[in-house]
Amino acid sequence: MIVEDGSWVCCRLSGTQARSEQGSEKLSGAAKAMDFRVKNLSNIRRFPSPQDGLRAVAERAPQAEALVASWMTKLRPIFARVHALRRRIATITVAALAGLLFVHVMLGANGMVVYKQKRAEYESLQKRIALEQKENQLYTQRIQGMKTDAKAIEKEAREQLHYARPGEYVYVPPDPVRPDPPVNHSARR
């Protein structure tokens, strides 16, 4: 709300009637006045205008030109030397990149060293699979023989189950006696 003298007054609803600071005029509705009038304008900082910035740049342009000229006189021989050596620099850069690529290919996460290790592991696993398949084949032949061959069945029954024919005696050697482990007294303290 704008008061007659041009200052701003903010109102909020509070259930009672409010008045401005002067107390002479009543505010409409149930509102409470808050005064946002600025008393002292000297404390407020003024933002620079775009023209001020351009003026400052234009005033400092000769200094900036002199600074760049001094830099150029210092850097011109360096640029000339780099320009003369550009082929060597390019060759060295390409060689360095090729070296890095070679190291990455050889020693990287999926490099040749890892590839050779995986290849050796693969070959050892293939050999193990072949051995296991041969062993499985042997067991299947043995099982087939047990099912059909009477002599093989008898042999297994005698060896594994200690069966005997009538009138035969089966001798079973006693289990070997294991000696007691040596007594170690170092644990007692």
N, C-alpha and C. Protein backbone atom coordinates (compact mmCIF):
# COMPACT_ATOMS: atom_id res chain seq x y z
N MET A 1 0.85 -1.17 0.00
CA MET A 1 0.00 0.00 0.00
C MET A 1 0.89 1.23 0.00
N ILE A 2 0.51 2.22 -0.76
CA ILE A 2 1.30 3.45 -0.86
C ILE A 2 0.59 4.53 -0.06
N VAL A 3 1.38 5.13 0.83
CA VAL A 3 0.83 6.21 1.66
C VAL A 3 0.90 7.51 0.85
N GLU A 4 0.16 8.55 1.27
CA GLU A 4 0.06 9.79 0.51
C GLU A 4 1.40 10.45 0.26
N ASP A 5 2.36 10.30 1.19
CA ASP A 5 3.65 10.96 0.98
C ASP A 5 4.56 10.18 0.03
N GLY A 6 4.07 9.05 -0.52
CA GLY A 6 4.82 8.29 -1.51
C GLY A 6 5.59 7.11 -0.95
N SER A 7 5.56 6.90 0.36
CA SER A 7 6.31 5.78 0.95
C SER A 7 5.45 4.53 0.93
N TRP A 8 6.13 3.39 1.08
CA TRP A 8 5.43 2.11 1.05
C TRP A 8 5.11 1.65 2.45
N VAL A 9 3.93 1.00 2.61
CA VAL A 9 3.55 0.37 3.88
C VAL A 9 2.99 -0.99 3.51
N CYS A 10 3.48 -2.02 4.20
CA CYS A 10 3.01 -3.37 3.91
C CYS A 10 2.02 -3.78 4.98
N CYS A 11 0.97 -4.45 4.60
CA CYS A 11 -0.06 -4.86 5.54
C CYS A 11 -0.20 -6.36 5.53
N ARG A 12 -0.53 -6.92 6.68
CA ARG A 12 -0.83 -8.35 6.73
C ARG A 12 -2.07 -8.54 7.58
N LEU A 13 -2.80 -9.61 7.30
CA LEU A 13 -4.05 -9.88 8.01
C LEU A 13 -3.73 -10.39 9.40
N SER A 14 -4.36 -9.81 10.42
CA SER A 14 -4.14 -10.28 11.78
C SER A 14 -5.41 -10.29 12.60
N GLY A 15 -6.50 -9.91 12.04
CA GLY A 15 -7.77 -9.94 12.76
C GLY A 15 -8.09 -8.63 13.45
N THR A 16 -7.20 -7.66 13.42
CA THR A 16 -7.47 -6.34 14.03
C THR A 16 -7.17 -5.26 13.02
N GLN A 17 -7.71 -4.10 13.27
CA GLN A 17 -7.43 -2.98 12.39
C GLN A 17 -6.07 -2.40 12.73
N ALA A 18 -5.35 -1.99 11.70
CA ALA A 18 -4.02 -1.44 11.92
C ALA A 18 -3.95 -0.05 11.35
N ARG A 19 -3.02 0.71 11.86
CA ARG A 19 -2.79 2.07 11.37
C ARG A 19 -1.34 2.20 10.94
N SER A 20 -1.07 3.18 10.15
CA SER A 20 0.31 3.42 9.73
C SER A 20 1.05 4.12 10.85
N GLU A 21 2.33 4.47 10.63
CA GLU A 21 3.15 5.07 11.68
C GLU A 21 2.63 6.43 12.10
N GLN A 22 2.11 7.20 11.17
CA GLN A 22 1.63 8.53 11.55
C GLN A 22 0.37 8.42 12.40
N GLY A 23 -0.40 7.33 12.26
CA GLY A 23 -1.59 7.12 13.08
C GLY A 23 -2.78 7.91 12.60
N SER A 24 -2.62 8.74 11.59
CA SER A 24 -3.73 9.58 11.18
C SER A 24 -4.67 8.85 10.24
N GLU A 25 -4.14 8.04 9.33
CA GLU A 25 -5.03 7.38 8.38
C GLU A 25 -5.22 5.93 8.79
N LYS A 26 -6.47 5.45 8.66
CA LYS A 26 -6.79 4.06 8.98
C LYS A 26 -6.52 3.20 7.76
N LEU A 27 -5.99 1.96 8.01
CA LEU A 27 -5.75 1.04 6.91
C LEU A 27 -6.99 0.20 6.72
N SER A 28 -7.29 -0.14 5.47
CA SER A 28 -8.52 -0.86 5.18
C SER A 28 -8.42 -2.30 5.62
N GLY A 29 -9.53 -2.89 6.06
CA GLY A 29 -9.59 -4.31 6.44
C GLY A 29 -8.86 -4.54 7.75
N ALA A 30 -8.78 -5.80 8.09
CA ALA A 30 -8.08 -6.17 9.32
C ALA A 30 -6.62 -6.41 8.96
N ALA A 31 -5.82 -5.37 9.00
CA ALA A 31 -4.43 -5.50 8.61
C ALA A 31 -3.54 -4.80 9.61
N LYS A 32 -2.29 -5.26 9.68
CA LYS A 32 -1.32 -4.64 10.58
C LYS A 32 -0.25 -4.01 9.69
N ALA A 33 0.12 -2.81 9.94
CA ALA A 33 1.03 -2.09 9.06
C ALA A 33 2.48 -2.42 9.40
N MET A 34 3.26 -2.55 8.33
CA MET A 34 4.70 -2.70 8.49
C MET A 34 5.32 -1.62 7.61
N ASP A 35 6.23 -0.88 8.18
CA ASP A 35 6.79 0.26 7.46
C ASP A 35 8.12 -0.14 6.83
N PHE A 36 8.24 0.00 5.51
CA PHE A 36 9.47 -0.32 4.80
C PHE A 36 10.12 0.95 4.22
N ARG A 37 9.82 2.07 4.80
CA ARG A 37 10.39 3.32 4.28
C ARG A 37 11.87 3.39 4.63
N VAL A 38 12.65 3.82 3.69
CA VAL A 38 14.09 3.95 3.89
C VAL A 38 14.36 5.30 4.50
N LYS A 39 15.02 5.30 5.66
CA LYS A 39 15.27 6.54 6.38
C LYS A 39 16.54 7.23 5.88
N ASN A 40 17.63 6.43 5.69
CA ASN A 40 18.92 7.03 5.34
C ASN A 40 19.39 6.44 4.01
N LEU A 41 19.42 7.21 2.97
CA LEU A 41 19.82 6.74 1.64
C LEU A 41 21.33 6.73 1.43
N SER A 42 22.10 7.32 2.33
CA SER A 42 23.55 7.39 2.14
C SER A 42 24.20 6.01 2.33
N ASN A 43 23.57 5.10 3.05
CA ASN A 43 24.14 3.77 3.30
C ASN A 43 23.95 2.82 2.11
N ILE A 44 23.08 3.15 1.17
CA ILE A 44 22.80 2.28 0.05
C ILE A 44 23.87 2.46 -1.01
N ARG A 45 24.45 1.35 -1.47
CA ARG A 45 25.51 1.38 -2.47
C ARG A 45 24.90 1.42 -3.86
N ARG A 46 25.43 2.24 -4.70
CA ARG A 46 24.92 2.40 -6.05
C ARG A 46 25.64 1.43 -6.98
N PHE A 47 24.89 0.68 -7.81
CA PHE A 47 25.48 -0.23 -8.78
C PHE A 47 26.03 0.57 -9.96
N PRO A 48 27.20 0.18 -10.46
CA PRO A 48 27.75 0.94 -11.59
C PRO A 48 26.92 0.67 -12.85
N SER A 49 26.85 1.65 -13.68
CA SER A 49 26.12 1.50 -14.94
C SER A 49 27.04 0.90 -15.99
N PRO A 50 26.49 0.34 -17.06
CA PRO A 50 27.33 -0.22 -18.13
C PRO A 50 28.25 0.82 -18.76
N GLN A 51 27.82 2.07 -18.81
CA GLN A 51 28.65 3.11 -19.39
C GLN A 51 29.91 3.33 -18.54
N ASP A 52 29.76 3.20 -17.19
CA ASP A 52 30.93 3.34 -16.32
C ASP A 52 31.95 2.25 -16.61
N GLY A 53 31.50 1.02 -16.85
CA GLY A 53 32.41 -0.08 -17.16
C GLY A 53 33.14 0.15 -18.47
N LEU A 54 32.42 0.59 -19.50
CA LEU A 54 33.04 0.87 -20.79
C LEU A 54 34.04 2.01 -20.68
N ARG A 55 33.72 3.01 -19.88
CA ARG A 55 34.61 4.13 -19.70
C ARG A 55 35.91 3.69 -19.03
N ALA A 56 35.80 2.77 -18.04
CA ALA A 56 36.99 2.27 -17.35
C ALA A 56 37.85 1.44 -18.30
N VAL A 57 37.23 0.65 -19.15
CA VAL A 57 37.98 -0.15 -20.12
C VAL A 57 38.69 0.76 -21.10
N ALA A 58 38.02 1.77 -21.58
CA ALA A 58 38.61 2.69 -22.54
C ALA A 58 39.77 3.47 -21.92
N GLU A 59 39.67 3.82 -20.64
CA GLU A 59 40.75 4.55 -19.97
C GLU A 59 41.99 3.66 -19.79
N ARG A 60 41.80 2.38 -19.58
CA ARG A 60 42.92 1.47 -19.32
C ARG A 60 43.42 0.76 -20.58
N ALA A 61 42.85 1.04 -21.72
CA ALA A 61 43.25 0.38 -22.96
C ALA A 61 44.72 0.60 -23.30
N PRO A 62 45.28 1.79 -23.18
CA PRO A 62 46.71 1.95 -23.52
C PRO A 62 47.63 1.12 -22.61
N GLN A 63 47.27 1.02 -21.33
CA GLN A 63 48.08 0.21 -20.42
C GLN A 63 48.03 -1.26 -20.83
N ALA A 64 46.84 -1.75 -21.20
CA ALA A 64 46.68 -3.14 -21.61
C ALA A 64 47.46 -3.41 -22.90
N GLU A 65 47.42 -2.47 -23.84
CA GLU A 65 48.18 -2.63 -25.08
C GLU A 65 49.67 -2.70 -24.82
N ALA A 66 50.16 -1.88 -23.92
CA ALA A 66 51.58 -1.88 -23.58
C ALA A 66 51.97 -3.20 -22.91
N LEU A 67 51.12 -3.72 -22.06
CA LEU A 67 51.38 -4.99 -21.38
C LEU A 67 51.44 -6.13 -22.40
N VAL A 68 50.49 -6.18 -23.32
CA VAL A 68 50.47 -7.23 -24.34
C VAL A 68 51.69 -7.10 -25.25
N ALA A 69 52.09 -5.88 -25.59
CA ALA A 69 53.27 -5.67 -26.43
C ALA A 69 54.52 -6.19 -25.73
N SER A 70 54.64 -5.96 -24.42
CA SER A 70 55.82 -6.46 -23.70
C SER A 70 55.80 -7.99 -23.65
N TRP A 71 54.63 -8.57 -23.48
CA TRP A 71 54.53 -10.04 -23.48
C TRP A 71 54.92 -10.60 -24.84
N MET A 72 54.45 -9.96 -25.90
CA MET A 72 54.75 -10.44 -27.25
C MET A 72 56.24 -10.38 -27.55
N THR A 73 56.91 -9.34 -27.07
CA THR A 73 58.35 -9.27 -27.31
C THR A 73 59.08 -10.38 -26.58
N LYS A 74 58.57 -10.78 -25.44
CA LYS A 74 59.19 -11.87 -24.69
C LYS A 74 58.84 -13.24 -25.29
N LEU A 75 57.61 -13.40 -25.78
CA LEU A 75 57.14 -14.70 -26.25
C LEU A 75 57.43 -14.95 -27.73
N ARG A 76 57.72 -13.91 -28.51
CA ARG A 76 57.93 -14.09 -29.95
C ARG A 76 59.08 -15.06 -30.25
N PRO A 77 60.24 -15.00 -29.58
CA PRO A 77 61.30 -15.97 -29.87
C PRO A 77 60.90 -17.40 -29.51
N ILE A 78 60.14 -17.53 -28.46
CA ILE A 78 59.69 -18.88 -28.05
C ILE A 78 58.75 -19.45 -29.12
N PHE A 79 57.82 -18.63 -29.59
CA PHE A 79 56.89 -19.10 -30.63
C PHE A 79 57.64 -19.43 -31.92
N ALA A 80 58.64 -18.63 -32.25
CA ALA A 80 59.42 -18.90 -33.46
C ALA A 80 60.17 -20.23 -33.33
N ARG A 81 60.74 -20.49 -32.16
CA ARG A 81 61.47 -21.74 -31.92
C ARG A 81 60.50 -22.94 -31.99
N VAL A 82 59.32 -22.82 -31.39
CA VAL A 82 58.32 -23.90 -31.45
C VAL A 82 57.88 -24.12 -32.89
N HIS A 83 57.69 -23.06 -33.64
CA HIS A 83 57.29 -23.19 -35.04
C HIS A 83 58.37 -23.92 -35.85
N ALA A 84 59.63 -23.63 -35.56
CA ALA A 84 60.73 -24.28 -36.28
C ALA A 84 60.83 -25.77 -35.91
N LEU A 85 60.48 -26.11 -34.69
CA LEU A 85 60.61 -27.50 -34.21
C LEU A 85 59.28 -28.27 -34.24
N ARG A 86 58.31 -27.75 -34.97
CA ARG A 86 56.98 -28.35 -34.93
C ARG A 86 56.97 -29.80 -35.40
N ARG A 87 57.78 -30.14 -36.40
CA ARG A 87 57.80 -31.53 -36.89
C ARG A 87 58.40 -32.46 -35.84
N ARG A 88 59.47 -32.01 -35.20
CA ARG A 88 60.06 -32.83 -34.15
C ARG A 88 59.09 -33.02 -32.99
N ILE A 89 58.43 -31.94 -32.61
CA ILE A 89 57.46 -32.02 -31.51
C ILE A 89 56.33 -32.98 -31.87
N ALA A 90 55.83 -32.89 -33.09
CA ALA A 90 54.75 -33.78 -33.52
C ALA A 90 55.23 -35.23 -33.54
N THR A 91 56.46 -35.47 -34.02
CA THR A 91 57.00 -36.84 -34.05
C THR A 91 57.16 -37.39 -32.64
N ILE A 92 57.67 -36.60 -31.73
CA ILE A 92 57.85 -37.04 -30.34
C ILE A 92 56.50 -37.31 -29.69
N THR A 93 55.53 -36.46 -29.96
CA THR A 93 54.18 -36.65 -29.40
C THR A 93 53.56 -37.95 -29.91
N VAL A 94 53.67 -38.20 -31.21
CA VAL A 94 53.12 -39.43 -31.79
C VAL A 94 53.83 -40.65 -31.21
N ALA A 95 55.17 -40.57 -31.06
CA ALA A 95 55.93 -41.70 -30.49
C ALA A 95 55.52 -41.96 -29.05
N ALA A 96 55.33 -40.89 -28.28
CA ALA A 96 54.90 -41.05 -26.88
C ALA A 96 53.52 -41.69 -26.80
N LEU A 97 52.60 -41.23 -27.65
CA LEU A 97 51.26 -41.82 -27.67
C LEU A 97 51.30 -43.29 -28.10
N ALA A 98 52.15 -43.61 -29.08
CA ALA A 98 52.28 -45.02 -29.51
C ALA A 98 52.86 -45.86 -28.38
N GLY A 99 53.82 -45.31 -27.65
CA GLY A 99 54.39 -46.03 -26.51
C GLY A 99 53.35 -46.28 -25.43
N LEU A 100 52.56 -45.26 -25.12
CA LEU A 100 51.49 -45.43 -24.13
C LEU A 100 50.47 -46.47 -24.59
N LEU A 101 50.12 -46.42 -25.87
CA LEU A 101 49.18 -47.40 -26.41
C LEU A 101 49.75 -48.81 -26.31
N PHE A 102 51.04 -48.97 -26.62
CA PHE A 102 51.69 -50.28 -26.52
C PHE A 102 51.67 -50.80 -25.08
N VAL A 103 51.99 -49.93 -24.13
CA VAL A 103 51.97 -50.33 -22.72
C VAL A 103 50.56 -50.73 -22.31
N HIS A 104 49.56 -49.98 -22.76
CA HIS A 104 48.17 -50.31 -22.42
C HIS A 104 47.76 -51.65 -23.02
N VAL A 105 48.16 -51.90 -24.26
CA VAL A 105 47.80 -53.16 -24.92
C VAL A 105 48.49 -54.33 -24.23
N MET A 106 49.72 -54.15 -23.83
CA MET A 106 50.48 -55.25 -23.22
C MET A 106 50.10 -55.48 -21.76
N LEU A 107 49.96 -54.42 -21.00
CA LEU A 107 49.79 -54.56 -19.55
C LEU A 107 48.43 -54.12 -19.04
N GLY A 108 47.53 -53.69 -19.90
CA GLY A 108 46.24 -53.19 -19.47
C GLY A 108 45.36 -54.29 -18.89
N ALA A 109 44.13 -53.93 -18.56
CA ALA A 109 43.19 -54.86 -17.93
C ALA A 109 42.93 -56.08 -18.81
N ASN A 110 42.89 -55.91 -20.11
CA ASN A 110 42.69 -57.03 -21.04
C ASN A 110 43.88 -57.14 -21.99
N GLY A 111 45.09 -56.88 -21.47
CA GLY A 111 46.29 -56.87 -22.29
C GLY A 111 46.78 -58.27 -22.61
N MET A 112 47.93 -58.31 -23.28
CA MET A 112 48.50 -59.58 -23.73
C MET A 112 48.93 -60.45 -22.56
N VAL A 113 49.44 -59.85 -21.50
CA VAL A 113 49.88 -60.63 -20.34
C VAL A 113 48.68 -61.36 -19.73
N VAL A 114 47.60 -60.65 -19.55
CA VAL A 114 46.39 -61.26 -19.00
C VAL A 114 45.84 -62.29 -19.98
N TYR A 115 45.91 -61.99 -21.28
CA TYR A 115 45.42 -62.92 -22.30
C TYR A 115 46.20 -64.23 -22.23
N LYS A 116 47.53 -64.16 -22.11
CA LYS A 116 48.34 -65.38 -22.03
C LYS A 116 48.02 -66.17 -20.77
N GLN A 117 47.80 -65.48 -19.65
CA GLN A 117 47.43 -66.18 -18.42
C GLN A 117 46.09 -66.89 -18.59
N LYS A 118 45.13 -66.21 -19.16
CA LYS A 118 43.81 -66.82 -19.38
C LYS A 118 43.90 -67.98 -20.36
N ARG A 119 44.75 -67.84 -21.37
CA ARG A 119 44.92 -68.91 -22.36
C ARG A 119 45.52 -70.15 -21.70
N ALA A 120 46.53 -69.96 -20.84
CA ALA A 120 47.15 -71.09 -20.12
C ALA A 120 46.14 -71.74 -19.18
N GLU A 121 45.34 -70.93 -18.52
CA GLU A 121 44.31 -71.46 -17.63
C GLU A 121 43.28 -72.26 -18.43
N TYR A 122 42.91 -71.75 -19.60
CA TYR A 122 41.95 -72.44 -20.46
C TYR A 122 42.49 -73.80 -20.89
N GLU A 123 43.76 -73.82 -21.30
CA GLU A 123 44.35 -75.09 -21.75
C GLU A 123 44.45 -76.09 -20.61
N SER A 124 44.82 -75.64 -19.39
CA SER A 124 44.89 -76.57 -18.26
C SER A 124 43.49 -77.09 -17.91
N LEU A 125 42.48 -76.24 -18.02
CA LEU A 125 41.11 -76.71 -17.75
C LEU A 125 40.67 -77.71 -18.82
N GLN A 126 41.07 -77.49 -20.08
CA GLN A 126 40.71 -78.45 -21.14
C GLN A 126 41.36 -79.81 -20.87
N LYS A 127 42.63 -79.81 -20.42
CA LYS A 127 43.29 -81.07 -20.08
C LYS A 127 42.59 -81.76 -18.92
N ARG A 128 42.21 -80.97 -17.93
CA ARG A 128 41.51 -81.55 -16.77
C ARG A 128 40.17 -82.15 -17.19
N ILE A 129 39.48 -81.46 -18.07
CA ILE A 129 38.18 -81.98 -18.56
C ILE A 129 38.39 -83.29 -19.29
N ALA A 130 39.44 -83.36 -20.12
CA ALA A 130 39.72 -84.60 -20.85
C ALA A 130 40.02 -85.75 -19.89
N LEU A 131 40.81 -85.47 -18.83
CA LEU A 131 41.11 -86.51 -17.83
C LEU A 131 39.84 -86.96 -17.11
N GLU A 132 39.00 -86.01 -16.75
CA GLU A 132 37.75 -86.36 -16.06
C GLU A 132 36.83 -87.19 -16.97
N GLN A 133 36.81 -86.86 -18.25
CA GLN A 133 35.98 -87.63 -19.17
C GLN A 133 36.50 -89.06 -19.32
N LYS A 134 37.84 -89.22 -19.36
CA LYS A 134 38.41 -90.58 -19.43
C LYS A 134 38.07 -91.37 -18.17
N GLU A 135 38.17 -90.69 -17.02
CA GLU A 135 37.84 -91.36 -15.76
C GLU A 135 36.37 -91.76 -15.73
N ASN A 136 35.51 -90.86 -16.19
CA ASN A 136 34.08 -91.19 -16.24
C ASN A 136 33.82 -92.38 -17.18
N GLN A 137 34.53 -92.42 -18.30
CA GLN A 137 34.37 -93.53 -19.25
C GLN A 137 34.81 -94.85 -18.60
N LEU A 138 35.91 -94.80 -17.85
CA LEU A 138 36.39 -96.00 -17.14
C LEU A 138 35.34 -96.49 -16.14
N TYR A 139 34.76 -95.55 -15.38
CA TYR A 139 33.74 -95.94 -14.39
C TYR A 139 32.50 -96.50 -15.07
N THR A 140 32.10 -95.93 -16.20
CA THR A 140 30.92 -96.46 -16.90
C THR A 140 31.20 -97.88 -17.40
N GLN A 141 32.38 -98.12 -17.92
CA GLN A 141 32.74 -99.48 -18.37
C GLN A 141 32.74 -100.44 -17.18
N ARG A 142 33.28 -99.99 -16.06
CA ARG A 142 33.33 -100.84 -14.87
C ARG A 142 31.92 -101.17 -14.38
N ILE A 143 31.05 -100.15 -14.38
CA ILE A 143 29.67 -100.37 -13.94
C ILE A 143 28.96 -101.32 -14.90
N GLN A 144 29.19 -101.14 -16.21
CA GLN A 144 28.59 -102.03 -17.21
C GLN A 144 29.08 -103.46 -16.98
N GLY A 145 30.39 -103.61 -16.70
CA GLY A 145 30.94 -104.94 -16.45
C GLY A 145 30.34 -105.57 -15.20
N MET A 146 30.09 -104.79 -14.19
CA MET A 146 29.50 -105.31 -12.95
C MET A 146 28.07 -105.79 -13.18
N LYS A 147 27.39 -105.13 -14.07
CA LYS A 147 25.99 -105.51 -14.31
C LYS A 147 25.90 -106.80 -15.12
N THR A 148 26.88 -107.06 -15.97
CA THR A 148 26.75 -108.21 -16.88
C THR A 148 27.72 -109.36 -16.57
N ASP A 149 28.91 -109.09 -16.09
CA ASP A 149 29.94 -110.12 -15.90
C ASP A 149 29.83 -110.72 -14.50
N ALA A 150 29.62 -112.03 -14.41
CA ALA A 150 29.48 -112.70 -13.11
C ALA A 150 30.80 -112.73 -12.36
N LYS A 151 31.93 -112.92 -13.07
CA LYS A 151 33.24 -112.95 -12.41
C LYS A 151 33.57 -111.60 -11.77
N ALA A 152 33.22 -110.51 -12.43
CA ALA A 152 33.49 -109.19 -11.88
C ALA A 152 32.65 -108.95 -10.63
N ILE A 153 31.41 -109.44 -10.65
CA ILE A 153 30.54 -109.29 -9.48
C ILE A 153 31.12 -110.07 -8.31
N GLU A 154 31.58 -111.31 -8.58
CA GLU A 154 32.15 -112.14 -7.52
C GLU A 154 33.42 -111.50 -6.96
N LYS A 155 34.25 -110.99 -7.82
CA LYS A 155 35.50 -110.36 -7.39
C LYS A 155 35.22 -109.18 -6.47
N GLU A 156 34.28 -108.31 -6.83
CA GLU A 156 33.93 -107.16 -6.00
C GLU A 156 33.32 -107.59 -4.68
N ALA A 157 32.50 -108.63 -4.71
CA ALA A 157 31.89 -109.11 -3.47
C ALA A 157 32.96 -109.65 -2.53
N ARG A 158 33.97 -110.37 -3.04
CA ARG A 158 35.05 -110.90 -2.20
C ARG A 158 35.91 -109.78 -1.63
N GLU A 159 36.24 -108.78 -2.49
CA GLU A 159 37.16 -107.74 -2.04
C GLU A 159 36.47 -106.71 -1.14
N GLN A 160 35.35 -106.23 -1.54
CA GLN A 160 34.70 -105.14 -0.82
C GLN A 160 33.89 -105.62 0.38
N LEU A 161 33.13 -106.68 0.19
CA LEU A 161 32.22 -107.13 1.25
C LEU A 161 32.76 -108.32 2.05
N HIS A 162 33.95 -108.82 1.68
CA HIS A 162 34.60 -109.96 2.37
C HIS A 162 33.71 -111.20 2.37
N TYR A 163 33.05 -111.46 1.26
CA TYR A 163 32.24 -112.69 1.12
C TYR A 163 33.17 -113.85 0.76
N ALA A 164 32.69 -115.07 1.07
CA ALA A 164 33.47 -116.27 0.74
C ALA A 164 32.52 -117.38 0.34
N ARG A 165 33.05 -118.34 -0.41
CA ARG A 165 32.25 -119.51 -0.77
C ARG A 165 32.22 -120.46 0.41
N PRO A 166 31.28 -121.36 0.39
CA PRO A 166 31.23 -122.31 1.50
C PRO A 166 32.52 -123.13 1.55
N GLY A 167 33.10 -123.20 2.75
CA GLY A 167 34.33 -123.94 2.96
C GLY A 167 35.57 -123.08 2.85
N GLU A 168 35.44 -121.82 2.45
CA GLU A 168 36.59 -120.94 2.35
C GLU A 168 36.69 -120.08 3.61
N TYR A 169 37.88 -119.73 3.94
CA TYR A 169 38.10 -118.84 5.07
C TYR A 169 38.67 -117.52 4.55
N VAL A 170 38.17 -116.42 5.10
CA VAL A 170 38.62 -115.08 4.70
C VAL A 170 39.49 -114.53 5.81
N TYR A 171 40.69 -114.18 5.44
CA TYR A 171 41.61 -113.59 6.41
C TYR A 171 41.57 -112.08 6.23
N VAL A 172 41.27 -111.37 7.32
CA VAL A 172 41.22 -109.90 7.31
C VAL A 172 42.33 -109.42 8.24
N PRO A 173 43.33 -108.74 7.73
CA PRO A 173 44.40 -108.25 8.60
C PRO A 173 43.88 -107.16 9.52
N PRO A 174 44.43 -107.08 10.73
CA PRO A 174 43.98 -106.02 11.66
C PRO A 174 44.44 -104.65 11.16
N ASP A 175 43.73 -103.66 11.61
CA ASP A 175 44.10 -102.27 11.25
C ASP A 175 45.45 -101.95 11.88
N PRO A 176 46.29 -101.21 11.18
CA PRO A 176 47.59 -100.86 11.76
C PRO A 176 47.40 -99.94 12.97
N VAL A 177 48.21 -100.16 13.98
CA VAL A 177 48.13 -99.36 15.20
C VAL A 177 48.95 -98.10 14.98
N ARG A 178 48.33 -97.00 15.21
CA ARG A 178 49.03 -95.72 15.05
C ARG A 178 49.68 -95.37 16.39
N PRO A 179 50.92 -94.98 16.36
CA PRO A 179 51.55 -94.58 17.63
C PRO A 179 50.98 -93.25 18.11
N ASP A 180 51.02 -93.07 19.43
CA ASP A 180 50.55 -91.81 20.01
C ASP A 180 51.46 -90.68 19.56
N PRO A 181 50.89 -89.52 19.33
CA PRO A 181 51.75 -88.40 18.94
C PRO A 181 52.69 -88.04 20.08
N PRO A 182 53.87 -87.53 19.77
CA PRO A 182 54.81 -87.17 20.84
C PRO A 182 54.22 -86.08 21.72
N VAL A 183 54.52 -86.17 22.99
CA VAL A 183 54.00 -85.20 23.96
C VAL A 183 54.84 -83.94 23.85
N ASN A 184 54.14 -82.85 23.76
CA ASN A 184 54.80 -81.55 23.66
C ASN A 184 54.46 -80.77 24.91
N HIS A 185 55.43 -80.50 25.73
CA HIS A 185 55.20 -79.80 27.00
C HIS A 185 55.32 -78.29 26.85
N SER A 186 55.57 -77.81 25.68
CA SER A 186 55.77 -76.37 25.51
C SER A 186 54.46 -75.60 25.69
N ALA A 187 53.31 -76.25 25.56
CA ALA A 187 52.04 -75.57 25.69
C ALA A 187 51.73 -75.27 27.16
N ARG A 188 52.32 -76.07 28.08
CA ARG A 188 52.04 -75.84 29.51
C ARG A 188 52.91 -74.70 30.01
N ARG A 189 52.30 -73.78 30.73
CA ARG A 189 53.07 -72.72 31.37
C ARG A 189 52.40 -72.27 32.62
